[in-house]
Amino acid sequence: AHASAIEHYVTHTVLLPTGDGRVDVLGNSTGDKMAGSQAMPDGSPVNWSVEHVQNTVRIDGVAAGSLGTIMRAVMDMVPVAMSAQQSGHPPAGVPPEARQAARTVVTQLRNLWSGFTMDETLDSMRFEAAGHSGSISRLGMGVAAGARGGKLDLRMNFAIDGIDSPDI
């Protein structure tokens, strides 16, 4: 069983045309009093809560026209995949009748965006799992990526302040 609750969550997104058929996407979100619980595979409960969450995202140079092409190609592959699965003998790779659609998806994804950044901060986290409990005053995570000259540039950050647990 799984349960979750969010008291308040607001998101704001802005699409900025770049003039070359692409758009930059800017967004931010805030949320208050978020909580969740679920059962682990062994049946033991996991509970967590966060007093406040804030995130920002920026996606540069999204090829908006590619999104429709990607969705159409994926939808073309669904019946082929379902048929292969139902046959009881799924192929070892992409079925021949879906290869052109798969090629279209890969080609479009290679040029879908030029870069992105995402940062998120969670304040006053609490958790209980497997007989252990604890809290974190602030958890920060971020990732940024871009492609230059065919090579991926990737930055990831992770910060934790104020860890407290009877177990440590």
Protein backbone atom coordinates (compact mmCIF):
# COMPACT_ATOMS: atom_id res chain seq x y z
CA ALA A 1 0.00 0.00 0.00
CA HIS A 2 1.14 3.49 -0.78
CA ALA A 3 -0.16 6.81 0.52
CA SER A 4 1.00 10.38 -0.02
CA ALA A 5 -0.15 13.88 0.83
CA ILE A 6 0.79 17.39 -0.23
CA GLU A 7 -0.67 20.37 1.58
CA HIS A 8 0.39 23.00 -0.93
CA TYR A 9 2.32 22.90 -4.23
CA VAL A 10 2.74 25.68 -6.79
CA THR A 11 4.68 25.57 -10.04
CA HIS A 12 5.40 28.28 -12.58
CA THR A 13 6.77 27.65 -16.08
CA VAL A 14 7.79 30.11 -18.77
CA LEU A 15 8.49 29.19 -22.40
CA LEU A 16 10.83 31.60 -24.15
CA PRO A 17 11.08 31.32 -27.95
CA THR A 18 14.70 31.59 -29.08
CA GLY A 19 13.88 32.63 -32.65
CA ASP A 20 15.24 29.49 -34.30
CA GLY A 21 12.24 27.19 -33.77
CA ARG A 22 13.41 26.26 -30.30
CA VAL A 23 12.31 27.35 -26.85
CA ASP A 24 14.02 27.77 -23.51
CA VAL A 25 11.96 26.42 -20.61
CA LEU A 26 12.27 28.08 -17.21
CA GLY A 27 10.41 26.79 -14.19
CA ASN A 28 10.25 26.86 -10.44
CA SER A 29 8.12 25.08 -7.88
CA THR A 30 7.51 25.23 -4.16
CA GLY A 31 5.69 22.79 -1.94
CA ASP A 32 4.80 22.54 1.72
CA LYS A 33 4.03 19.67 4.06
CA MET A 34 4.65 16.70 1.79
CA ALA A 35 4.50 13.16 3.18
CA GLY A 36 4.44 9.60 1.96
CA SER A 37 4.33 6.04 3.18
CA GLN A 38 4.62 2.67 1.52
CA ALA A 39 5.47 -0.93 2.29
CA MET A 40 8.83 -2.44 1.43
CA PRO A 41 8.88 -5.83 -0.37
CA ASP A 42 9.23 -7.53 3.03
CA GLY A 43 6.13 -5.69 4.28
CA SER A 44 7.93 -3.27 6.60
CA PRO A 45 6.72 0.34 6.43
CA VAL A 46 8.66 3.33 5.10
CA ASN A 47 7.46 6.80 6.07
CA TRP A 48 8.89 10.16 5.08
CA SER A 49 7.93 13.81 5.30
CA VAL A 50 9.28 17.15 4.10
CA GLU A 51 8.21 20.53 5.50
CA HIS A 52 9.23 22.55 2.43
CA VAL A 53 10.58 21.79 -1.05
CA GLN A 54 11.80 24.23 -3.67
CA ASN A 55 13.17 23.54 -7.13
CA THR A 56 14.24 25.36 -10.25
CA VAL A 57 14.73 24.03 -13.74
CA ARG A 58 16.05 25.45 -16.99
CA ILE A 59 16.09 23.54 -20.26
CA ASP A 60 17.90 25.33 -23.07
CA GLY A 61 17.09 25.08 -26.75
CA VAL A 62 14.22 22.57 -26.70
CA ALA A 63 13.34 21.53 -30.25
CA ALA A 64 9.60 21.80 -29.65
CA GLY A 65 8.74 20.37 -33.08
CA SER A 66 10.64 17.20 -32.25
CA LEU A 67 8.33 16.34 -29.35
CA GLY A 68 5.41 15.52 -31.66
CA THR A 69 7.67 13.45 -33.92
CA ILE A 70 9.00 11.51 -30.92
CA MET A 71 5.49 10.86 -29.56
CA ARG A 72 4.21 9.64 -32.95
CA ALA A 73 7.19 7.31 -33.40
CA VAL A 74 6.80 5.89 -29.88
CA MET A 75 3.08 5.33 -30.45
CA ASP A 76 3.93 3.53 -33.71
CA MET A 77 6.16 1.15 -31.75
CA VAL A 78 3.60 0.31 -29.04
CA PRO A 79 1.44 -2.12 -31.08
CA VAL A 80 4.57 -3.87 -32.39
CA ALA A 81 5.97 -4.28 -28.87
CA MET A 82 2.63 -5.51 -27.52
CA SER A 83 2.28 -8.03 -30.35
CA ALA A 84 5.84 -9.30 -29.80
CA GLN A 85 5.21 -9.66 -26.07
CA GLN A 86 1.93 -11.50 -26.57
CA SER A 87 3.47 -13.90 -29.08
CA GLY A 88 5.44 -15.49 -26.27
CA HIS A 89 8.66 -15.15 -28.29
CA PRO A 90 9.81 -11.55 -27.85
CA PRO A 91 12.70 -10.70 -30.17
CA ALA A 92 16.19 -10.17 -28.78
CA GLY A 93 16.17 -6.58 -30.05
CA VAL A 94 13.86 -4.13 -31.74
CA PRO A 95 11.48 -6.01 -34.05
CA PRO A 96 12.22 -5.27 -37.74
CA GLU A 97 8.83 -3.57 -38.25
CA ALA A 98 9.64 -1.08 -35.44
CA ARG A 99 13.24 -0.25 -36.37
CA GLN A 100 12.45 2.83 -38.45
CA ALA A 101 10.34 4.28 -35.62
CA ALA A 102 13.11 3.50 -33.11
CA ARG A 103 15.66 5.16 -35.40
CA THR A 104 13.41 8.24 -35.61
CA VAL A 105 13.19 8.44 -31.79
CA VAL A 106 16.96 8.16 -31.34
CA THR A 107 17.66 10.73 -34.07
CA GLN A 108 15.20 13.22 -32.60
CA LEU A 109 16.43 12.71 -29.02
CA ARG A 110 20.01 13.49 -30.04
CA ASN A 111 18.95 17.02 -30.92
CA LEU A 112 16.06 17.54 -28.47
CA TRP A 113 17.77 20.11 -26.23
CA SER A 114 21.14 21.77 -25.82
CA GLY A 115 21.40 21.70 -22.03
CA PHE A 116 19.60 21.82 -18.72
CA THR A 117 20.02 22.63 -15.06
CA MET A 118 17.91 21.46 -12.14
CA ASP A 119 18.32 22.27 -8.48
CA GLU A 120 16.13 21.12 -5.61
CA THR A 121 16.19 21.82 -1.88
CA LEU A 122 14.21 19.92 0.74
CA ASP A 123 13.92 21.38 4.25
CA SER A 124 13.08 19.54 7.47
CA MET A 125 12.99 15.97 6.21
CA ARG A 126 12.00 13.10 8.50
CA PHE A 127 12.10 9.40 7.71
CA GLU A 128 11.36 6.04 9.33
CA ALA A 129 12.24 2.69 7.78
CA ALA A 130 13.19 -0.80 8.93
CA GLY A 131 13.13 0.23 12.60
CA HIS A 132 15.37 3.24 12.02
CA SER A 133 14.50 6.92 12.03
CA GLY A 134 16.18 10.21 11.40
CA SER A 135 15.94 13.74 10.13
CA ILE A 136 17.83 16.05 7.82
CA SER A 137 17.62 19.82 8.22
CA ARG A 138 18.36 20.51 4.55
CA LEU A 139 19.04 18.31 1.53
CA GLY A 140 20.17 19.92 -1.69
CA MET A 141 20.58 18.22 -5.06
CA GLY A 142 21.42 19.54 -8.47
CA VAL A 143 22.41 18.46 -11.92
CA ALA A 144 23.42 20.33 -15.04
CA ALA A 145 24.23 18.90 -18.43
CA GLY A 146 25.01 20.09 -21.91
CA ALA A 147 26.56 18.80 -25.08
CA ARG A 148 29.51 20.54 -26.68
CA GLY A 149 31.27 19.14 -29.68
CA GLY A 150 29.43 15.83 -29.33
CA LYS A 151 30.60 15.31 -25.75
CA LEU A 152 28.48 15.42 -22.63
CA ASP A 153 29.34 17.92 -19.91
CA LEU A 154 27.73 16.89 -16.63
CA ARG A 155 27.73 18.51 -13.19
CA MET A 156 26.09 16.97 -10.16
CA ASN A 157 25.97 18.31 -6.62
CA PHE A 158 24.65 16.93 -3.39
CA ALA A 159 24.64 18.61 0.04
CA ILE A 160 23.27 17.52 3.40
CA ASP A 161 23.01 19.72 6.50
CA GLY A 162 21.90 18.71 9.97
CA ILE A 163 21.68 14.92 9.96
CA ASP A 164 20.17 13.58 13.17
CA SER A 165 19.36 9.98 14.01
CA PRO A 166 19.44 7.90 17.19
CA ASP A 167 21.25 5.26 15.12
CA ILE A 168 24.34 7.38 14.42
